[in-house]
Amino acid sequence: MTQQHDKGFRSLFSRSRFFLQLLNFCINEPWTKRINPEDLEMINASFILPDFEKREADIIYKLKTPDRPVYFYCLMELQSSPDFFMPVRLLVYMVCLWIDLLKNIPPDERARQDFRLPAIIPLVLYNGGDRW
C-alpha cells in the first residue's frame, strides 16, 4: 500500500467510533462490545527508535478502565506481505510507548511494589493474499 492509503486509514481510525468498529472486528470478544467510543482517548506520540530514526506513532488509543488504562497500538502500515520480523518491531514500539509513559509517572509511584505497566494490545492491519 502507498503512504497515501496509510494516511487515509490513519484519518479514518483517528475517529474513536471507527477505531472501536475495527477493534470489535479484530478482537471478537464480549469485553470489546462493552467499550463506548467516549472511553477511548487517542494518544499522540512519536518515538526515537534504536536506529535513531524518529518515528511517528501509528494509532494509539488509551482505554479508560476502572482499574488502570489499557493501550491499543495499531500499526497502520497495511502489510501486504508477511513480515516475520513484525513481532520484534511490535515489541520495540511497545517498549518505546512504555518508556514514554514512564516519563510522566512520578518516581515514587513507579517505585511502589504494586506498580504495573499498562497493558498494550498490538494490532497489525494485513491486507495480503498470502497466509501469514
N, C-alpha and C. Protein backbone atom coordinates (compact mmCIF):
# COMPACT_ATOMS: atom_id res chain seq x y z
N MET A 1 0.85 -1.19 0.00
CA MET A 1 0.00 0.00 0.00
C MET A 1 0.89 1.25 0.00
N THR A 2 0.38 2.28 -0.54
CA THR A 2 1.15 3.51 -0.57
C THR A 2 0.95 4.27 0.72
N GLN A 3 1.84 5.24 0.94
CA GLN A 3 1.74 6.06 2.15
C GLN A 3 0.42 6.83 2.17
N GLN A 4 -0.12 7.18 0.99
CA GLN A 4 -1.39 7.90 0.93
C GLN A 4 -2.52 7.03 1.50
N HIS A 5 -2.51 5.73 1.18
CA HIS A 5 -3.52 4.84 1.76
C HIS A 5 -3.35 4.77 3.28
N ASP A 6 -2.09 4.71 3.73
CA ASP A 6 -1.83 4.69 5.18
C ASP A 6 -2.44 5.92 5.83
N LYS A 7 -2.25 7.09 5.21
CA LYS A 7 -2.79 8.34 5.77
C LYS A 7 -4.31 8.32 5.79
N GLY A 8 -4.91 7.73 4.75
CA GLY A 8 -6.37 7.63 4.71
C GLY A 8 -6.90 6.77 5.85
N PHE A 9 -6.24 5.64 6.08
CA PHE A 9 -6.67 4.77 7.18
C PHE A 9 -6.41 5.43 8.52
N ARG A 10 -5.29 6.14 8.64
CA ARG A 10 -5.00 6.88 9.88
C ARG A 10 -6.09 7.89 10.16
N SER A 11 -6.49 8.61 9.12
CA SER A 11 -7.53 9.62 9.27
C SER A 11 -8.85 8.98 9.69
N LEU A 12 -9.20 7.88 9.04
CA LEU A 12 -10.45 7.18 9.37
C LEU A 12 -10.44 6.68 10.81
N PHE A 13 -9.36 6.01 11.21
CA PHE A 13 -9.33 5.41 12.54
C PHE A 13 -8.93 6.38 13.63
N SER A 14 -8.70 7.64 13.27
CA SER A 14 -8.49 8.65 14.31
C SER A 14 -9.82 9.05 14.95
N ARG A 15 -10.90 8.57 14.38
CA ARG A 15 -12.23 8.76 14.98
C ARG A 15 -12.51 7.55 15.85
N SER A 16 -12.75 7.77 17.12
CA SER A 16 -12.86 6.66 18.07
C SER A 16 -13.96 5.67 17.71
N ARG A 17 -15.05 6.12 17.15
CA ARG A 17 -16.13 5.17 16.84
C ARG A 17 -15.72 4.22 15.71
N PHE A 18 -14.92 4.69 14.74
CA PHE A 18 -14.45 3.81 13.67
C PHE A 18 -13.36 2.87 14.19
N PHE A 19 -12.51 3.40 15.07
CA PHE A 19 -11.49 2.54 15.67
C PHE A 19 -12.16 1.43 16.50
N LEU A 20 -13.22 1.78 17.20
CA LEU A 20 -13.95 0.80 18.00
C LEU A 20 -14.56 -0.28 17.11
N GLN A 21 -15.05 0.08 15.93
CA GLN A 21 -15.57 -0.92 15.00
C GLN A 21 -14.45 -1.86 14.54
N LEU A 22 -13.26 -1.29 14.27
CA LEU A 22 -12.11 -2.11 13.90
C LEU A 22 -11.75 -3.05 15.05
N LEU A 23 -11.74 -2.52 16.25
CA LEU A 23 -11.40 -3.31 17.43
C LEU A 23 -12.37 -4.47 17.61
N ASN A 24 -13.65 -4.20 17.46
CA ASN A 24 -14.66 -5.25 17.59
C ASN A 24 -14.51 -6.31 16.50
N PHE A 25 -14.07 -5.90 15.33
CA PHE A 25 -13.85 -6.85 14.24
C PHE A 25 -12.61 -7.72 14.52
N CYS A 26 -11.53 -7.07 14.97
CA CYS A 26 -10.26 -7.79 15.19
C CYS A 26 -10.29 -8.64 16.46
N ILE A 27 -10.92 -8.14 17.48
CA ILE A 27 -10.98 -8.84 18.77
C ILE A 27 -12.44 -9.13 19.05
N ASN A 28 -12.90 -10.24 18.59
CA ASN A 28 -14.31 -10.60 18.71
C ASN A 28 -14.56 -11.24 20.08
N GLU A 29 -14.51 -10.41 21.11
CA GLU A 29 -14.71 -10.87 22.49
C GLU A 29 -15.78 -10.01 23.14
N PRO A 30 -16.52 -10.57 24.09
CA PRO A 30 -17.60 -9.81 24.75
C PRO A 30 -17.13 -8.50 25.39
N TRP A 31 -15.90 -8.46 25.94
CA TRP A 31 -15.46 -7.25 26.63
C TRP A 31 -15.30 -6.07 25.67
N THR A 32 -15.00 -6.34 24.38
CA THR A 32 -14.86 -5.22 23.45
C THR A 32 -16.22 -4.61 23.11
N LYS A 33 -17.28 -5.39 23.24
CA LYS A 33 -18.64 -4.89 22.96
C LYS A 33 -19.11 -3.91 24.03
N ARG A 34 -18.47 -3.94 25.19
CA ARG A 34 -18.86 -3.05 26.30
C ARG A 34 -18.12 -1.71 26.26
N ILE A 35 -17.21 -1.53 25.31
CA ILE A 35 -16.46 -0.28 25.20
C ILE A 35 -17.29 0.75 24.46
N ASN A 36 -17.35 1.95 24.99
CA ASN A 36 -18.02 3.07 24.33
C ASN A 36 -16.95 3.96 23.68
N PRO A 37 -17.28 4.62 22.57
CA PRO A 37 -16.28 5.50 21.93
C PRO A 37 -15.72 6.56 22.88
N GLU A 38 -16.54 7.05 23.81
CA GLU A 38 -16.04 8.07 24.75
C GLU A 38 -15.08 7.51 25.80
N ASP A 39 -14.96 6.17 25.90
CA ASP A 39 -13.99 5.55 26.80
C ASP A 39 -12.60 5.53 26.18
N LEU A 40 -12.51 5.84 24.89
CA LEU A 40 -11.24 5.80 24.17
C LEU A 40 -10.68 7.20 23.99
N GLU A 41 -9.40 7.33 24.26
CA GLU A 41 -8.70 8.61 24.07
C GLU A 41 -7.50 8.36 23.16
N MET A 42 -7.46 9.06 22.03
CA MET A 42 -6.34 8.90 21.11
C MET A 42 -5.11 9.57 21.71
N ILE A 43 -3.97 8.90 21.63
CA ILE A 43 -2.71 9.39 22.18
C ILE A 43 -1.80 9.78 21.03
N ASN A 44 -1.28 10.99 21.07
CA ASN A 44 -0.30 11.43 20.07
C ASN A 44 1.09 11.17 20.65
N ALA A 45 1.89 10.43 19.90
CA ALA A 45 3.23 10.10 20.38
C ALA A 45 4.17 9.97 19.20
N SER A 46 5.43 10.27 19.44
CA SER A 46 6.47 9.98 18.47
C SER A 46 7.65 9.43 19.25
N PHE A 47 8.39 8.55 18.62
CA PHE A 47 9.48 7.86 19.29
C PHE A 47 10.75 7.97 18.47
N ILE A 48 11.89 7.96 19.17
CA ILE A 48 13.18 7.83 18.50
C ILE A 48 13.57 6.37 18.70
N LEU A 49 13.61 5.62 17.63
CA LEU A 49 13.91 4.19 17.71
C LEU A 49 15.41 3.96 17.84
N PRO A 50 15.81 2.74 18.20
CA PRO A 50 17.23 2.44 18.40
C PRO A 50 18.12 2.80 17.21
N ASP A 51 17.56 2.82 15.99
CA ASP A 51 18.37 3.21 14.84
C ASP A 51 18.41 4.73 14.68
N PHE A 52 17.89 5.46 15.70
CA PHE A 52 17.92 6.92 15.78
C PHE A 52 17.04 7.61 14.75
N GLU A 53 16.15 6.85 14.13
CA GLU A 53 15.20 7.48 13.23
C GLU A 53 13.95 7.84 14.01
N LYS A 54 13.53 9.07 13.86
CA LYS A 54 12.29 9.47 14.53
C LYS A 54 11.13 8.78 13.84
N ARG A 55 10.21 8.26 14.63
CA ARG A 55 9.09 7.52 14.07
C ARG A 55 7.82 8.03 14.69
N GLU A 56 6.93 8.49 13.86
CA GLU A 56 5.62 8.89 14.35
C GLU A 56 4.86 7.64 14.73
N ALA A 57 4.23 7.67 15.86
CA ALA A 57 3.42 6.53 16.26
C ALA A 57 2.28 6.38 15.28
N ASP A 58 1.84 5.17 15.11
CA ASP A 58 0.73 4.94 14.21
C ASP A 58 -0.53 5.42 14.91
N ILE A 59 -1.37 4.52 15.35
CA ILE A 59 -2.54 4.95 16.10
C ILE A 59 -2.49 4.28 17.46
N ILE A 60 -2.54 5.09 18.49
CA ILE A 60 -2.54 4.58 19.86
C ILE A 60 -3.78 5.13 20.55
N TYR A 61 -4.55 4.23 21.12
CA TYR A 61 -5.71 4.63 21.91
C TYR A 61 -5.52 4.15 23.34
N LYS A 62 -5.93 4.97 24.24
CA LYS A 62 -5.95 4.63 25.66
C LYS A 62 -7.40 4.35 26.04
N LEU A 63 -7.63 3.17 26.58
CA LEU A 63 -8.96 2.81 27.07
C LEU A 63 -8.99 3.06 28.56
N LYS A 64 -9.89 3.92 28.98
CA LYS A 64 -10.02 4.21 30.41
C LYS A 64 -10.86 3.10 31.05
N THR A 65 -10.28 2.43 32.04
CA THR A 65 -10.98 1.37 32.76
C THR A 65 -10.97 1.73 34.25
N PRO A 66 -11.83 1.10 35.04
CA PRO A 66 -11.85 1.40 36.48
C PRO A 66 -10.53 1.08 37.17
N ASP A 67 -9.83 0.03 36.72
CA ASP A 67 -8.59 -0.37 37.38
C ASP A 67 -7.39 0.45 36.92
N ARG A 68 -7.04 0.29 35.66
CA ARG A 68 -5.92 1.04 35.07
C ARG A 68 -6.10 1.04 33.56
N PRO A 69 -5.42 1.95 32.87
CA PRO A 69 -5.64 2.06 31.43
C PRO A 69 -5.09 0.87 30.65
N VAL A 70 -5.68 0.66 29.49
CA VAL A 70 -5.21 -0.33 28.52
C VAL A 70 -4.91 0.46 27.25
N TYR A 71 -3.79 0.15 26.61
CA TYR A 71 -3.42 0.85 25.38
C TYR A 71 -3.54 -0.09 24.19
N PHE A 72 -4.07 0.43 23.10
CA PHE A 72 -4.15 -0.31 21.85
C PHE A 72 -3.18 0.36 20.89
N TYR A 73 -2.20 -0.37 20.44
CA TYR A 73 -1.23 0.16 19.48
C TYR A 73 -1.58 -0.45 18.13
N CYS A 74 -2.05 0.37 17.22
CA CYS A 74 -2.47 -0.11 15.90
C CYS A 74 -1.42 0.31 14.88
N LEU A 75 -0.69 -0.66 14.37
CA LEU A 75 0.34 -0.40 13.37
C LEU A 75 -0.33 -0.24 12.02
N MET A 76 -0.31 0.96 11.48
CA MET A 76 -1.07 1.28 10.27
C MET A 76 -0.19 1.24 9.02
N GLU A 77 0.56 0.19 8.84
CA GLU A 77 1.36 0.10 7.63
C GLU A 77 0.70 -0.76 6.58
N LEU A 78 -0.44 -1.31 6.87
CA LEU A 78 -1.20 -2.11 5.92
C LEU A 78 -0.29 -3.11 5.21
N GLN A 79 0.23 -4.04 5.96
CA GLN A 79 1.13 -5.05 5.43
C GLN A 79 0.45 -5.83 4.30
N SER A 80 1.10 -5.89 3.14
CA SER A 80 0.55 -6.64 2.01
C SER A 80 1.29 -7.96 1.80
N SER A 81 2.36 -8.16 2.57
CA SER A 81 3.08 -9.44 2.53
C SER A 81 3.54 -9.75 3.95
N PRO A 82 3.69 -11.03 4.24
CA PRO A 82 4.11 -11.40 5.60
C PRO A 82 5.47 -10.78 5.95
N ASP A 83 5.58 -10.29 7.16
CA ASP A 83 6.83 -9.74 7.69
C ASP A 83 7.12 -10.51 8.97
N PHE A 84 8.03 -11.46 8.88
CA PHE A 84 8.27 -12.34 10.01
C PHE A 84 9.07 -11.68 11.13
N PHE A 85 9.50 -10.44 10.91
CA PHE A 85 10.13 -9.67 11.97
C PHE A 85 9.12 -8.76 12.68
N MET A 86 7.86 -8.84 12.28
CA MET A 86 6.82 -8.00 12.87
C MET A 86 6.75 -8.12 14.39
N PRO A 87 6.87 -9.32 14.98
CA PRO A 87 6.84 -9.38 16.45
C PRO A 87 7.94 -8.55 17.09
N VAL A 88 9.12 -8.52 16.47
CA VAL A 88 10.22 -7.72 17.01
C VAL A 88 9.89 -6.23 16.87
N ARG A 89 9.39 -5.84 15.71
CA ARG A 89 9.01 -4.44 15.51
C ARG A 89 7.97 -4.01 16.53
N LEU A 90 6.94 -4.85 16.73
CA LEU A 90 5.90 -4.52 17.70
C LEU A 90 6.48 -4.40 19.10
N LEU A 91 7.37 -5.31 19.46
CA LEU A 91 7.99 -5.24 20.79
C LEU A 91 8.74 -3.92 20.97
N VAL A 92 9.48 -3.50 19.96
CA VAL A 92 10.22 -2.23 20.03
C VAL A 92 9.25 -1.07 20.21
N TYR A 93 8.17 -1.05 19.43
CA TYR A 93 7.19 0.03 19.54
C TYR A 93 6.52 0.03 20.91
N MET A 94 6.23 -1.16 21.43
CA MET A 94 5.59 -1.25 22.75
C MET A 94 6.53 -0.75 23.84
N VAL A 95 7.80 -1.13 23.77
CA VAL A 95 8.77 -0.67 24.76
C VAL A 95 8.92 0.84 24.68
N CYS A 96 8.95 1.39 23.46
CA CYS A 96 9.03 2.85 23.31
C CYS A 96 7.82 3.53 23.96
N LEU A 97 6.66 2.96 23.78
CA LEU A 97 5.46 3.52 24.40
C LEU A 97 5.55 3.46 25.91
N TRP A 98 5.97 2.31 26.47
CA TRP A 98 6.11 2.20 27.93
C TRP A 98 7.12 3.22 28.46
N ILE A 99 8.24 3.39 27.77
CA ILE A 99 9.24 4.37 28.20
C ILE A 99 8.64 5.77 28.19
N ASP A 100 7.91 6.09 27.14
CA ASP A 100 7.27 7.39 27.04
C ASP A 100 6.27 7.60 28.18
N LEU A 101 5.49 6.57 28.48
CA LEU A 101 4.51 6.67 29.58
C LEU A 101 5.21 6.82 30.93
N LEU A 102 6.31 6.10 31.12
CA LEU A 102 7.04 6.16 32.40
C LEU A 102 7.60 7.54 32.68
N LYS A 103 7.92 8.30 31.63
CA LYS A 103 8.45 9.66 31.82
C LYS A 103 7.46 10.54 32.58
N ASN A 104 6.17 10.24 32.46
CA ASN A 104 5.14 11.08 33.06
C ASN A 104 4.57 10.52 34.37
N ILE A 105 5.19 9.47 34.88
CA ILE A 105 4.74 8.89 36.15
C ILE A 105 5.75 9.27 37.22
N PRO A 106 5.31 9.85 38.32
CA PRO A 106 6.25 10.25 39.37
C PRO A 106 7.08 9.06 39.86
N PRO A 107 8.36 9.29 40.15
CA PRO A 107 9.25 8.19 40.59
C PRO A 107 8.73 7.42 41.80
N ASP A 108 8.10 8.12 42.75
CA ASP A 108 7.60 7.41 43.93
C ASP A 108 6.46 6.45 43.57
N GLU A 109 5.66 6.82 42.56
CA GLU A 109 4.59 5.93 42.12
C GLU A 109 5.16 4.72 41.39
N ARG A 110 6.18 4.95 40.54
CA ARG A 110 6.83 3.84 39.82
C ARG A 110 7.52 2.88 40.76
N ALA A 111 7.97 3.37 41.91
CA ALA A 111 8.72 2.55 42.86
C ALA A 111 7.82 1.70 43.76
N ARG A 112 6.53 1.95 43.73
CA ARG A 112 5.61 1.16 44.57
C ARG A 112 5.63 -0.30 44.16
N GLN A 113 5.50 -1.17 45.13
CA GLN A 113 5.52 -2.59 44.86
C GLN A 113 4.36 -3.04 43.97
N ASP A 114 3.23 -2.37 44.06
CA ASP A 114 2.06 -2.77 43.27
C ASP A 114 1.99 -2.06 41.91
N PHE A 115 3.03 -1.30 41.54
CA PHE A 115 3.03 -0.62 40.25
C PHE A 115 3.11 -1.64 39.11
N ARG A 116 2.31 -1.44 38.09
CA ARG A 116 2.32 -2.29 36.91
C ARG A 116 2.29 -1.41 35.67
N LEU A 117 3.06 -1.81 34.68
CA LEU A 117 2.97 -1.13 33.39
C LEU A 117 1.59 -1.41 32.80
N PRO A 118 1.04 -0.46 32.05
CA PRO A 118 -0.27 -0.72 31.44
C PRO A 118 -0.16 -1.78 30.34
N ALA A 119 -1.24 -2.49 30.15
CA ALA A 119 -1.30 -3.47 29.07
C ALA A 119 -1.33 -2.75 27.73
N ILE A 120 -0.66 -3.32 26.75
CA ILE A 120 -0.70 -2.82 25.38
C ILE A 120 -1.17 -3.97 24.50
N ILE A 121 -2.20 -3.73 23.73
CA ILE A 121 -2.71 -4.73 22.81
C ILE A 121 -2.35 -4.27 21.40
N PRO A 122 -1.36 -4.93 20.77
CA PRO A 122 -0.96 -4.50 19.43
C PRO A 122 -1.89 -5.07 18.36
N LEU A 123 -2.16 -4.25 17.36
CA LEU A 123 -2.96 -4.66 16.21
C LEU A 123 -2.17 -4.33 14.95
N VAL A 124 -2.11 -5.25 14.00
CA VAL A 124 -1.46 -5.01 12.71
C VAL A 124 -2.51 -5.24 11.64
N LEU A 125 -2.67 -4.30 10.74
CA LEU A 125 -3.58 -4.48 9.62
C LEU A 125 -2.83 -5.17 8.49
N TYR A 126 -3.34 -6.30 8.06
CA TYR A 126 -2.70 -7.08 6.99
C TYR A 126 -3.71 -7.24 5.86
N ASN A 127 -3.33 -6.84 4.66
CA ASN A 127 -4.24 -6.95 3.53
C ASN A 127 -3.68 -7.81 2.40
N GLY A 128 -2.72 -8.67 2.73
CA GLY A 128 -2.11 -9.52 1.73
C GLY A 128 -2.93 -10.76 1.43
N GLY A 129 -2.62 -11.40 0.32
CA GLY A 129 -3.34 -12.59 -0.08
C GLY A 129 -2.73 -13.86 0.51
N ASP A 130 -1.43 -13.82 0.81
CA ASP A 130 -0.77 -14.99 1.37
C ASP A 130 -1.10 -15.14 2.85
N ARG A 131 -1.20 -16.38 3.28
CA ARG A 131 -1.44 -16.64 4.70
C ARG A 131 -0.21 -16.25 5.50
N TRP A 132 -0.40 -15.59 6.62
CA TRP A 132 0.72 -15.11 7.43
C TRP A 132 1.00 -16.16 8.45
